[in-house]
PDB file of N, CA and C in Angstrom:
ATOM      1  N   MET A   1      32.360  -5.615   7.227  1.00  0.00           N
ATOM      2  CA  MET A   1      31.615  -4.931   8.265  1.00  0.00           C
ATOM      3  C   MET A   1      31.449  -3.470   7.865  1.00  0.00           C
ATOM      4  N   TYR A   2      30.254  -2.972   8.051  1.00  0.00           N
ATOM      5  CA  TYR A   2      29.973  -1.586   7.700  1.00  0.00           C
ATOM      6  C   TYR A   2      30.499  -0.635   8.759  1.00  0.00           C
ATOM      7  N   LYS A   3      30.793   0.591   8.315  1.00  0.00           N
ATOM      8  CA  LYS A   3      31.347   1.592   9.205  1.00  0.00           C
ATOM      9  C   LYS A   3      30.467   2.839   9.204  1.00  0.00           C
ATOM     10  N   ILE A   4      30.776   3.756  10.140  1.00  0.00           N
ATOM     11  CA  ILE A   4      30.052   5.023  10.260  1.00  0.00           C
ATOM     12  C   ILE A   4      31.054   6.156  10.088  1.00  0.00           C
ATOM     13  N   ALA A   5      30.699   7.130   9.251  1.00  0.00           N
ATOM     14  CA  ALA A   5      31.561   8.277   8.990  1.00  0.00           C
ATOM     15  C   ALA A   5      30.873   9.561   9.424  1.00  0.00           C
ATOM     16  N   VAL A   6      31.700  10.549   9.763  1.00  0.00           N
ATOM     17  CA  VAL A   6      31.208  11.885  10.088  1.00  0.00           C
ATOM     18  C   VAL A   6      32.040  12.867   9.270  1.00  0.00           C
ATOM     19  N   ILE A   7      31.357  13.737   8.528  1.00  0.00           N
ATOM     20  CA  ILE A   7      32.047  14.700   7.688  1.00  0.00           C
ATOM     21  C   ILE A   7      31.528  16.104   7.985  1.00  0.00           C
ATOM     22  N   GLY A   8      32.458  17.045   8.052  1.00  0.00           N
ATOM     23  CA  GLY A   8      32.105  18.440   8.323  1.00  0.00           C
ATOM     24  C   GLY A   8      33.337  19.211   8.739  1.00  0.00           C
ATOM     25  N   ASP A   9      33.135  20.407   9.262  1.00  0.00           N
ATOM     26  CA  ASP A   9      34.277  21.187   9.720  1.00  0.00           C
ATOM     27  C   ASP A   9      34.858  20.550  10.984  1.00  0.00           C
ATOM     28  N   TYR A  10      36.151  20.712  11.170  1.00  0.00           N
ATOM     29  CA  TYR A  10      36.871  20.037  12.251  1.00  0.00           C
ATOM     30  C   TYR A  10      36.243  20.288  13.617  1.00  0.00           C
ATOM     31  N   ASP A  11      35.947  21.543  13.929  1.00  0.00           N
ATOM     32  CA  ASP A  11      35.418  21.878  15.252  1.00  0.00           C
ATOM     33  C   ASP A  11      34.079  21.201  15.548  1.00  0.00           C
ATOM     34  N   SER A  12      33.298  20.940  14.530  1.00  0.00           N
ATOM     35  CA  SER A  12      31.987  20.316  14.720  1.00  0.00           C
ATOM     36  C   SER A  12      32.052  18.805  14.873  1.00  0.00           C
ATOM     37  N   ILE A  13      33.091  18.164  14.320  1.00  0.00           N
ATOM     38  CA  ILE A  13      33.081  16.698  14.272  1.00  0.00           C
ATOM     39  C   ILE A  13      34.165  16.006  15.074  1.00  0.00           C
ATOM     40  N   TYR A  14      35.154  16.748  15.593  1.00  0.00           N
ATOM     41  CA  TYR A  14      36.292  16.070  16.226  1.00  0.00           C
ATOM     42  C   TYR A  14      35.879  15.204  17.417  1.00  0.00           C
ATOM     43  N   GLY A  15      34.827  15.527  18.126  1.00  0.00           N
ATOM     44  CA  GLY A  15      34.382  14.746  19.270  1.00  0.00           C
ATOM     45  C   GLY A  15      33.863  13.363  18.907  1.00  0.00           C
ATOM     46  N   PHE A  16      33.427  13.189  17.675  1.00  0.00           N
ATOM     47  CA  PHE A  16      32.896  11.893  17.249  1.00  0.00           C
ATOM     48  C   PHE A  16      33.973  10.820  17.178  1.00  0.00           C
ATOM     49  N   ALA A  17      35.220  11.235  17.036  1.00  0.00           N
ATOM     50  CA  ALA A  17      36.319  10.264  16.999  1.00  0.00           C
ATOM     51  C   ALA A  17      36.425   9.519  18.321  1.00  0.00           C
ATOM     52  N   ALA A  18      36.089  10.197  19.426  1.00  0.00           N
ATOM     53  CA  ALA A  18      36.131   9.555  20.747  1.00  0.00           C
ATOM     54  C   ALA A  18      35.090   8.441  20.858  1.00  0.00           C
ATOM     55  N   LEU A  19      34.067   8.487  20.016  1.00  0.00           N
ATOM     56  CA  LEU A  19      33.035   7.449  20.000  1.00  0.00           C
ATOM     57  C   LEU A  19      33.396   6.297  19.065  1.00  0.00           C
ATOM     58  N   GLY A  20      34.537   6.398  18.421  1.00  0.00           N
ATOM     59  CA  GLY A  20      34.978   5.345  17.515  1.00  0.00           C
ATOM     60  C   GLY A  20      34.512   5.513  16.084  1.00  0.00           C
ATOM     61  N   LEU A  21      33.941   6.668  15.756  1.00  0.00           N
ATOM     62  CA  LEU A  21      33.484   6.914  14.392  1.00  0.00           C
ATOM     63  C   LEU A  21      34.636   7.468  13.561  1.00  0.00           C
ATOM     64  N   ASP A  22      34.608   7.197  12.276  1.00  0.00           N
ATOM     65  CA  ASP A  22      35.629   7.733  11.375  1.00  0.00           C
ATOM     66  C   ASP A  22      35.252   9.166  11.030  1.00  0.00           C
ATOM     67  N   THR A  23      36.144  10.110  11.339  1.00  0.00           N
ATOM     68  CA  THR A  23      35.861  11.515  11.080  1.00  0.00           C
ATOM     69  C   THR A  23      36.651  12.005   9.879  1.00  0.00           C
ATOM     70  N   PHE A  24      36.015  12.878   9.108  1.00  0.00           N
ATOM     71  CA  PHE A  24      36.608  13.434   7.908  1.00  0.00           C
ATOM     72  C   PHE A  24      36.407  14.946   7.915  1.00  0.00           C
ATOM     73  N   PRO A  25      37.334  15.662   8.563  1.00  0.00           N
ATOM     74  CA  PRO A  25      37.212  17.117   8.592  1.00  0.00           C
ATOM     75  C   PRO A  25      37.552  17.711   7.223  1.00  0.00           C
ATOM     76  N   VAL A  26      36.727  18.624   6.761  1.00  0.00           N
ATOM     77  CA  VAL A  26      36.953  19.286   5.479  1.00  0.00           C
ATOM     78  C   VAL A  26      36.787  20.787   5.671  1.00  0.00           C
ATOM     79  N   SER A  27      37.532  21.543   4.887  1.00  0.00           N
ATOM     80  CA  SER A  27      37.429  22.997   5.002  1.00  0.00           C
ATOM     81  C   SER A  27      37.091  23.665   3.676  1.00  0.00           C
ATOM     82  N   ARG A  28      37.416  23.017   2.561  1.00  0.00           N
ATOM     83  CA  ARG A  28      37.123  23.579   1.243  1.00  0.00           C
ATOM     84  C   ARG A  28      36.029  22.763   0.564  1.00  0.00           C
ATOM     85  N   LEU A  29      35.216  23.414  -0.252  1.00  0.00           N
ATOM     86  CA  LEU A  29      34.097  22.759  -0.919  1.00  0.00           C
ATOM     87  C   LEU A  29      34.567  21.634  -1.837  1.00  0.00           C
ATOM     88  N   GLU A  30      35.631  21.856  -2.581  1.00  0.00           N
ATOM     89  CA  GLU A  30      36.137  20.824  -3.495  1.00  0.00           C
ATOM     90  C   GLU A  30      36.568  19.588  -2.706  1.00  0.00           C
ATOM     91  N   GLU A  31      37.224  19.823  -1.587  1.00  0.00           N
ATOM     92  CA  GLU A  31      37.668  18.734  -0.708  1.00  0.00           C
ATOM     93  C   GLU A  31      36.462  17.986  -0.144  1.00  0.00           C
ATOM     94  N   ALA A  32      35.424  18.725   0.228  1.00  0.00           N
ATOM     95  CA  ALA A  32      34.212  18.126   0.784  1.00  0.00           C
ATOM     96  C   ALA A  32      33.516  17.243  -0.250  1.00  0.00           C
ATOM     97  N   GLU A  33      33.404  17.725  -1.471  1.00  0.00           N
ATOM     98  CA  GLU A  33      32.767  16.939  -2.538  1.00  0.00           C
ATOM     99  C   GLU A  33      33.528  15.643  -2.788  1.00  0.00           C
ATOM    100  N   LYS A  34      34.826  15.749  -2.889  1.00  0.00           N
ATOM    101  CA  LYS A  34      35.666  14.576  -3.161  1.00  0.00           C
ATOM    102  C   LYS A  34      35.559  13.558  -2.016  1.00  0.00           C
ATOM    103  N   THR A  35      35.615  14.046  -0.781  1.00  0.00           N
ATOM    104  CA  THR A  35      35.528  13.158   0.383  1.00  0.00           C
ATOM    105  C   THR A  35      34.159  12.499   0.461  1.00  0.00           C
ATOM    106  N   PHE A  36      33.093  13.260   0.246  1.00  0.00           N
ATOM    107  CA  PHE A  36      31.740  12.700   0.300  1.00  0.00           C
ATOM    108  C   PHE A  36      31.569  11.599  -0.741  1.00  0.00           C
ATOM    109  N   LEU A  37      32.006  11.847  -1.954  1.00  0.00           N
ATOM    110  CA  LEU A  37      31.867  10.838  -3.015  1.00  0.00           C
ATOM    111  C   LEU A  37      32.678   9.588  -2.704  1.00  0.00           C
ATOM    112  N   LYS A  38      33.831   9.764  -2.084  1.00  0.00           N
ATOM    113  CA  LYS A  38      34.640   8.617  -1.676  1.00  0.00           C
ATOM    114  C   LYS A  38      33.902   7.803  -0.608  1.00  0.00           C
ATOM    115  N   LEU A  39      33.260   8.495   0.329  1.00  0.00           N
ATOM    116  CA  LEU A  39      32.556   7.811   1.417  1.00  0.00           C
ATOM    117  C   LEU A  39      31.348   7.019   0.916  1.00  0.00           C
ATOM    118  N   VAL A  40      30.560   7.603   0.011  1.00  0.00           N
ATOM    119  CA  VAL A  40      29.364   6.902  -0.462  1.00  0.00           C
ATOM    120  C   VAL A  40      29.702   5.687  -1.304  1.00  0.00           C
ATOM    121  N   SER A  41      30.904   5.663  -1.871  1.00  0.00           N
ATOM    122  CA  SER A  41      31.289   4.499  -2.669  1.00  0.00           C
ATOM    123  C   SER A  41      32.120   3.499  -1.860  1.00  0.00           C
ATOM    124  N   SER A  42      32.284   3.764  -0.574  1.00  0.00           N
ATOM    125  CA  SER A  42      33.032   2.861   0.302  1.00  0.00           C
ATOM    126  C   SER A  42      32.060   2.024   1.127  1.00  0.00           C
ATOM    127  N   GLU A  43      32.564   1.386   2.165  1.00  0.00           N
ATOM    128  CA  GLU A  43      31.721   0.513   2.976  1.00  0.00           C
ATOM    129  C   GLU A  43      31.129   1.209   4.202  1.00  0.00           C
ATOM    130  N   TYR A  44      30.697   2.443   4.021  1.00  0.00           N
ATOM    131  CA  TYR A  44      30.045   3.184   5.104  1.00  0.00           C
ATOM    132  C   TYR A  44      28.536   3.022   4.985  1.00  0.00           C
ATOM    133  N   ALA A  45      27.927   2.540   6.055  1.00  0.00           N
ATOM    134  CA  ALA A  45      26.482   2.353   6.074  1.00  0.00           C
ATOM    135  C   ALA A  45      25.769   3.632   6.493  1.00  0.00           C
ATOM    136  N   VAL A  46      26.442   4.435   7.316  1.00  0.00           N
ATOM    137  CA  VAL A  46      25.872   5.689   7.806  1.00  0.00           C
ATOM    138  C   VAL A  46      26.908   6.791   7.620  1.00  0.00           C
ATOM    139  N   ILE A  47      26.446   7.915   7.089  1.00  0.00           N
ATOM    140  CA  ILE A  47      27.299   9.089   6.958  1.00  0.00           C
ATOM    141  C   ILE A  47      26.591  10.247   7.637  1.00  0.00           C
ATOM    142  N   TYR A  48      27.178  10.724   8.727  1.00  0.00           N
ATOM    143  CA  TYR A  48      26.683  11.927   9.386  1.00  0.00           C
ATOM    144  C   TYR A  48      27.380  13.106   8.729  1.00  0.00           C
ATOM    145  N   ILE A  49      26.622  14.136   8.403  1.00  0.00           N
ATOM    146  CA  ILE A  49      27.183  15.316   7.750  1.00  0.00           C
ATOM    147  C   ILE A  49      26.592  16.562   8.400  1.00  0.00           C
ATOM    148  N   THR A  50      27.428  17.552   8.647  1.00  0.00           N
ATOM    149  CA  THR A  50      26.923  18.764   9.287  1.00  0.00           C
ATOM    150  C   THR A  50      25.918  19.450   8.359  1.00  0.00           C
ATOM    151  N   GLU A  51      24.929  20.073   8.964  1.00  0.00           N
ATOM    152  CA  GLU A  51      23.878  20.726   8.184  1.00  0.00           C
ATOM    153  C   GLU A  51      24.445  21.796   7.253  1.00  0.00           C
ATOM    154  N   ALA A  52      25.419  22.558   7.725  1.00  0.00           N
ATOM    155  CA  ALA A  52      26.008  23.618   6.898  1.00  0.00           C
ATOM    156  C   ALA A  52      26.683  23.037   5.661  1.00  0.00           C
ATOM    157  N   LEU A  53      27.403  21.942   5.834  1.00  0.00           N
ATOM    158  CA  LEU A  53      28.069  21.309   4.700  1.00  0.00           C
ATOM    159  C   LEU A  53      27.042  20.652   3.773  1.00  0.00           C
ATOM    160  N   ALA A  54      26.050  20.025   4.344  1.00  0.00           N
ATOM    161  CA  ALA A  54      25.016  19.371   3.538  1.00  0.00           C
ATOM    162  C   ALA A  54      24.298  20.376   2.644  1.00  0.00           C
ATOM    163  N   GLU A  55      24.133  21.579   3.150  1.00  0.00           N
ATOM    164  CA  GLU A  55      23.492  22.622   2.347  1.00  0.00           C
ATOM    165  C   GLU A  55      24.329  22.934   1.104  1.00  0.00           C
ATOM    166  N   LYS A  56      25.643  22.934   1.267  1.00  0.00           N
ATOM    167  CA  LYS A  56      26.540  23.210   0.141  1.00  0.00           C
ATOM    168  C   LYS A  56      26.612  22.031  -0.831  1.00  0.00           C
ATOM    169  N   LEU A  57      26.406  20.818  -0.326  1.00  0.00           N
ATOM    170  CA  LEU A  57      26.483  19.610  -1.155  1.00  0.00           C
ATOM    171  C   LEU A  57      25.102  19.060  -1.508  1.00  0.00           C
ATOM    172  N   GLU A  58      24.085  19.879  -1.375  1.00  0.00           N
ATOM    173  CA  GLU A  58      22.699  19.428  -1.556  1.00  0.00           C
ATOM    174  C   GLU A  58      22.474  18.712  -2.879  1.00  0.00           C
ATOM    175  N   ARG A  59      23.045  19.233  -3.960  1.00  0.00           N
ATOM    176  CA  ARG A  59      22.871  18.637  -5.289  1.00  0.00           C
ATOM    177  C   ARG A  59      23.458  17.224  -5.343  1.00  0.00           C
ATOM    178  N   ILE A  60      24.621  17.045  -4.743  1.00  0.00           N
ATOM    179  CA  ILE A  60      25.275  15.735  -4.747  1.00  0.00           C
ATOM    180  C   ILE A  60      24.548  14.766  -3.818  1.00  0.00           C
ATOM    181  N   ILE A  61      24.164  15.224  -2.649  1.00  0.00           N
ATOM    182  CA  ILE A  61      23.476  14.377  -1.665  1.00  0.00           C
ATOM    183  C   ILE A  61      22.148  13.877  -2.218  1.00  0.00           C
ATOM    184  N   ALA A  62      21.461  14.710  -2.981  1.00  0.00           N
ATOM    185  CA  ALA A  62      20.151  14.339  -3.534  1.00  0.00           C
ATOM    186  C   ALA A  62      20.226  13.063  -4.369  1.00  0.00           C
ATOM    187  N   LYS A  63      21.361  12.822  -5.002  1.00  0.00           N
ATOM    188  CA  LYS A  63      21.524  11.623  -5.828  1.00  0.00           C
ATOM    189  C   LYS A  63      21.496  10.337  -4.999  1.00  0.00           C
ATOM    190  N   TYR A  64      21.794  10.450  -3.710  1.00  0.00           N
ATOM    191  CA  TYR A  64      21.902   9.266  -2.852  1.00  0.00           C
ATOM    192  C   TYR A  64      20.755   9.139  -1.856  1.00  0.00           C
ATOM    193  N   LYS A  65      19.813  10.069  -1.871  1.00  0.00           N
ATOM    194  CA  LYS A  65      18.710  10.062  -0.901  1.00  0.00           C
ATOM    195  C   LYS A  65      17.829   8.823  -1.008  1.00  0.00           C
ATOM    196  N   GLU A  66      17.607   8.346  -2.202  1.00  0.00           N
ATOM    197  CA  GLU A  66      16.692   7.225  -2.412  1.00  0.00           C
ATOM    198  C   GLU A  66      17.351   5.856  -2.259  1.00  0.00           C
ATOM    199  N   GLN A  67      18.662   5.835  -2.123  1.00  0.00           N
ATOM    200  CA  GLN A  67      19.355   4.564  -1.970  1.00  0.00           C
ATOM    201  C   GLN A  67      19.228   4.053  -0.544  1.00  0.00           C
ATOM    202  N   LEU A  68      19.248   2.754  -0.415  1.00  0.00           N
ATOM    203  CA  LEU A  68      19.167   2.128   0.897  1.00  0.00           C
ATOM    204  C   LEU A  68      20.402   2.440   1.728  1.00  0.00           C
ATOM    205  N   MET A  69      21.564   2.347   1.114  1.00  0.00           N
ATOM    206  CA  MET A  69      22.811   2.654   1.810  1.00  0.00           C
ATOM    207  C   MET A  69      23.674   3.521   0.921  1.00  0.00           C
ATOM    208  N   PRO A  70      24.390   4.422   1.482  1.00  0.00           N
ATOM    209  CA  PRO A  70      24.472   4.720   2.908  1.00  0.00           C
ATOM    210  C   PRO A  70      23.312   5.613   3.342  1.00  0.00           C
ATOM    211  N   SER A  71      23.033   5.573   4.623  1.00  0.00           N
ATOM    212  CA  SER A  71      22.048   6.470   5.200  1.00  0.00           C
ATOM    213  C   SER A  71      22.770   7.779   5.496  1.00  0.00           C
ATOM    214  N   ILE A  72      22.272   8.876   4.962  1.00  0.00           N
ATOM    215  CA  ILE A  72      22.908  10.172   5.136  1.00  0.00           C
ATOM    216  C   ILE A  72      22.083  10.979   6.132  1.00  0.00           C
ATOM    217  N   ILE A  73      22.697  11.288   7.268  1.00  0.00           N
ATOM    218  CA  ILE A  73      21.989  11.938   8.364  1.00  0.00           C
ATOM    219  C   ILE A  73      22.633  13.281   8.668  1.00  0.00           C
ATOM    220  N   LEU A  74      21.817  14.331   8.665  1.00  0.00           N
ATOM    221  CA  LEU A  74      22.307  15.670   8.951  1.00  0.00           C
ATOM    222  C   LEU A  74      22.380  15.904  10.449  1.00  0.00           C
ATOM    223  N   ILE A  75      23.471  16.541  10.872  1.00  0.00           N
ATOM    224  CA  ILE A  75      23.664  16.869  12.280  1.00  0.00           C
ATOM    225  C   ILE A  75      24.011  18.352  12.393  1.00  0.00           C
ATOM    226  N   PRO A  76      23.650  18.990  13.510  1.00  0.00           N
ATOM    227  CA  PRO A  76      24.024  20.401  13.674  1.00  0.00           C
ATOM    228  C   PRO A  76      25.527  20.528  13.881  1.00  0.00           C
ATOM    229  N   GLY A  77      26.063  21.639  13.459  1.00  0.00           N
ATOM    230  CA  GLY A  77      27.481  21.926  13.660  1.00  0.00           C
ATOM    231  C   GLY A  77      27.648  22.945  14.771  1.00  0.00           C
ATOM    232  N   ILE A  78      28.860  23.438  14.947  1.00  0.00           N
ATOM    233  CA  ILE A  78      29.101  24.416  16.006  1.00  0.00           C
ATOM    234  C   ILE A  78      28.422  25.744  15.714  1.00  0.00           C
ATOM    235  N   SER A  79      28.115  25.987  14.452  1.00  0.00           N
ATOM    236  CA  SER A  79      27.438  27.237  14.091  1.00  0.00           C
ATOM    237  C   SER A  79      25.954  27.200  14.437  1.00  0.00           C
ATOM    238  N   GLY A  80      25.459  26.047  14.881  1.00  0.00           N
ATOM    239  CA  GLY A  80      24.063  25.945  15.297  1.00  0.00           C
ATOM    240  C   GLY A  80      23.244  25.030  14.413  1.00  0.00           C
ATOM    241  N   ASN A  81      21.987  24.952  14.735  1.00  0.00           N
ATOM    242  CA  ASN A  81      21.040  24.079  14.064  1.00  0.00           C
ATOM    243  C   ASN A  81      20.245  24.890  13.054  1.00  0.00           C
ATOM    244  N   THR A  82      20.249  24.451  11.803  1.00  0.00           N
ATOM    245  CA  THR A  82      19.469  25.137  10.777  1.00  0.00           C
ATOM    246  C   THR A  82      18.059  24.563  10.660  1.00  0.00           C
ATOM    247  N   GLY A  83      17.818  23.426  11.289  1.00  0.00           N
ATOM    248  CA  GLY A  83      16.510  22.784  11.213  1.00  0.00           C
ATOM    249  C   GLY A  83      16.397  21.782  10.074  1.00  0.00           C
ATOM    250  N   LYS A  84      17.387  21.731   9.186  1.00  0.00           N
ATOM    251  CA  LYS A  84      17.337  20.802   8.049  1.00  0.00           C
ATOM    252  C   LYS A  84      17.353  19.348   8.492  1.00  0.00           C
ATOM    253  N   GLY A  85      18.128  19.028   9.534  1.00  0.00           N
ATOM    254  CA  GLY A  85      18.207  17.652  10.022  1.00  0.00           C
ATOM    255  C   GLY A  85      16.884  17.170  10.566  1.00  0.00           C
ATOM    256  N   VAL A  86      16.255  17.985  11.396  1.00  0.00           N
ATOM    257  CA  VAL A  86      14.955  17.638  11.978  1.00  0.00           C
ATOM    258  C   VAL A  86      13.909  17.537  10.870  1.00  0.00           C
ATOM    259  N   GLU A  87      13.980  18.445   9.911  1.00  0.00           N
ATOM    260  CA  GLU A  87      13.039  18.417   8.791  1.00  0.00           C
ATOM    261  C   GLU A  87      13.168  17.120   7.995  1.00  0.00           C
ATOM    262  N   GLY A  88      14.412  16.674   7.773  1.00  0.00           N
ATOM    263  CA  GLY A  88      14.644  15.429   7.039  1.00  0.00           C
ATOM    264  C   GLY A  88      14.101  14.219   7.767  1.00  0.00           C
ATOM    265  N   VAL A  89      14.310  14.164   9.085  1.00  0.00           N
ATOM    266  CA  VAL A  89      13.775  13.055   9.885  1.00  0.00           C
ATOM    267  C   VAL A  89      12.255  13.079   9.847  1.00  0.00           C
ATOM    268  N   LYS A  90      11.682  14.262   9.965  1.00  0.00           N
ATOM    269  CA  LYS A  90      10.217  14.401   9.937  1.00  0.00           C
ATOM    270  C   LYS A  90       9.651  13.882   8.614  1.00  0.00           C
ATOM    271  N   LYS A  91      10.298  14.236   7.499  1.00  0.00           N
ATOM    272  CA  LYS A  91       9.835  13.767   6.190  1.00  0.00           C
ATOM    273  C   LYS A  91       9.930  12.247   6.080  1.00  0.00           C
ATOM    274  N   SER A  92      11.006  11.678   6.608  1.00  0.00           N
ATOM    275  CA  SER A  92      11.176  10.224   6.568  1.00  0.00           C
ATOM    276  C   SER A  92      10.083   9.527   7.370  1.00  0.00           C
ATOM    277  N   VAL A  93       9.763  10.070   8.537  1.00  0.00           N
ATOM    278  CA  VAL A  93       8.711   9.487   9.379  1.00  0.00           C
ATOM    279  C   VAL A  93       7.362   9.623   8.684  1.00  0.00           C
ATOM    280  N   GLU A  94       7.097  10.773   8.071  1.00  0.00           N
ATOM    281  CA  GLU A  94       5.839  10.964   7.348  1.00  0.00           C
ATOM    282  C   GLU A  94       5.695   9.941   6.232  1.00  0.00           C
ATOM    283  N   GLN A  95       6.791   9.667   5.526  1.00  0.00           N
ATOM    284  CA  GLN A  95       6.754   8.663   4.459  1.00  0.00           C
ATOM    285  C   GLN A  95       6.462   7.284   5.015  1.00  0.00           C
ATOM    286  N   ALA A  96       7.104   6.937   6.105  1.00  0.00           N
ATOM    287  CA  ALA A  96       6.963   5.607   6.678  1.00  0.00           C
ATOM    288  C   ALA A  96       5.598   5.407   7.314  1.00  0.00           C
ATOM    289  N   VAL A  97       5.120   6.415   8.026  1.00  0.00           N
ATOM    290  CA  VAL A  97       3.870   6.290   8.789  1.00  0.00           C
ATOM    291  C   VAL A  97       2.665   6.729   7.969  1.00  0.00           C
ATOM    292  N   GLY A  98       2.884   7.676   7.086  1.00  0.00           N
ATOM    293  CA  GLY A  98       1.769   8.149   6.263  1.00  0.00           C
ATOM    294  C   GLY A  98       1.127   9.414   6.780  1.00  0.00           C
ATOM    295  N   SER A  99       1.642   9.976   7.878  1.00  0.00           N
ATOM    296  CA  SER A  99       1.097  11.236   8.387  1.00  0.00           C
ATOM    297  C   SER A  99       2.138  11.943   9.236  1.00  0.00           C
ATOM    298  N   ASP A 100       1.858  13.192   9.529  1.00  0.00           N
ATOM    299  CA  ASP A 100       2.753  13.996  10.350  1.00  0.00           C
ATOM    300  C   ASP A 100       2.506  13.671  11.815  1.00  0.00           C
ATOM    301  N   ILE A 101       3.461  13.030  12.462  1.00  0.00           N
ATOM    302  CA  ILE A 101       3.269  12.633  13.861  1.00  0.00           C
ATOM    303  C   ILE A 101       3.457  13.784  14.816  1.00  0.00           C
ATOM    304  N   LEU A 102       4.038  14.894  14.350  1.00  0.00           N
ATOM    305  CA  LEU A 102       4.231  16.049  15.214  1.00  0.00           C
ATOM    306  C   LEU A 102       3.078  17.040  15.134  1.00  0.00           C
ATOM    307  N   PHE A 103       2.141  16.795  14.237  1.00  0.00           N
ATOM    308  CA  PHE A 103       0.985  17.682  14.089  1.00  0.00           C
ATOM    309  C   PHE A 103       0.002  17.417  15.215  1.00  0.00           C
ATOM    310  N   SER A 104      -0.431  18.466  15.848  1.00  0.00           N
ATOM    311  CA  SER A 104      -1.453  18.307  16.901  1.00  0.00           C
ATOM    312  C   SER A 104      -2.591  19.277  16.649  1.00  0.00           C
ATOM    313  N   ASN A 105      -3.795  18.848  16.970  1.00  0.00           N
ATOM    314  CA  ASN A 105      -4.982  19.694  16.762  1.00  0.00           C
ATOM    315  C   ASN A 105      -5.185  20.629  17.909  1.00  0.00           C
TER     316      ASN A 105
END
C-alpha cells in the first residue's frame, strides 16, 4: 500500500501528523537531501514538501518531476507562500489541458 509523506521544517508540517500522514521534519540541508532521497526510493506515492525546502532541493527534485511516482507537491510553510506551488499546479494543468485555464480576456 502506498503512503503519503510530508517533509519540511517542523513548525510547517507537524499538523499533518494529525491527518495520518508520515511527517519528516528536517532542519539542515544535508539532512533534507538524505531524507528526500530515502522517500522517493520508498513506497510513498505522494510527497508534500514545503516551498522553501523545495527551492533548496530544486536540483534533486527536478530529477523526479517526469516520473509517475512519487508525485511531488509543493505546499506553503509557516514563512508564507512563495507562489511556486501554485505555479507548478498551473503548469501541470496547462500540460494536461493544452492551455492556461486561469487566463481571461
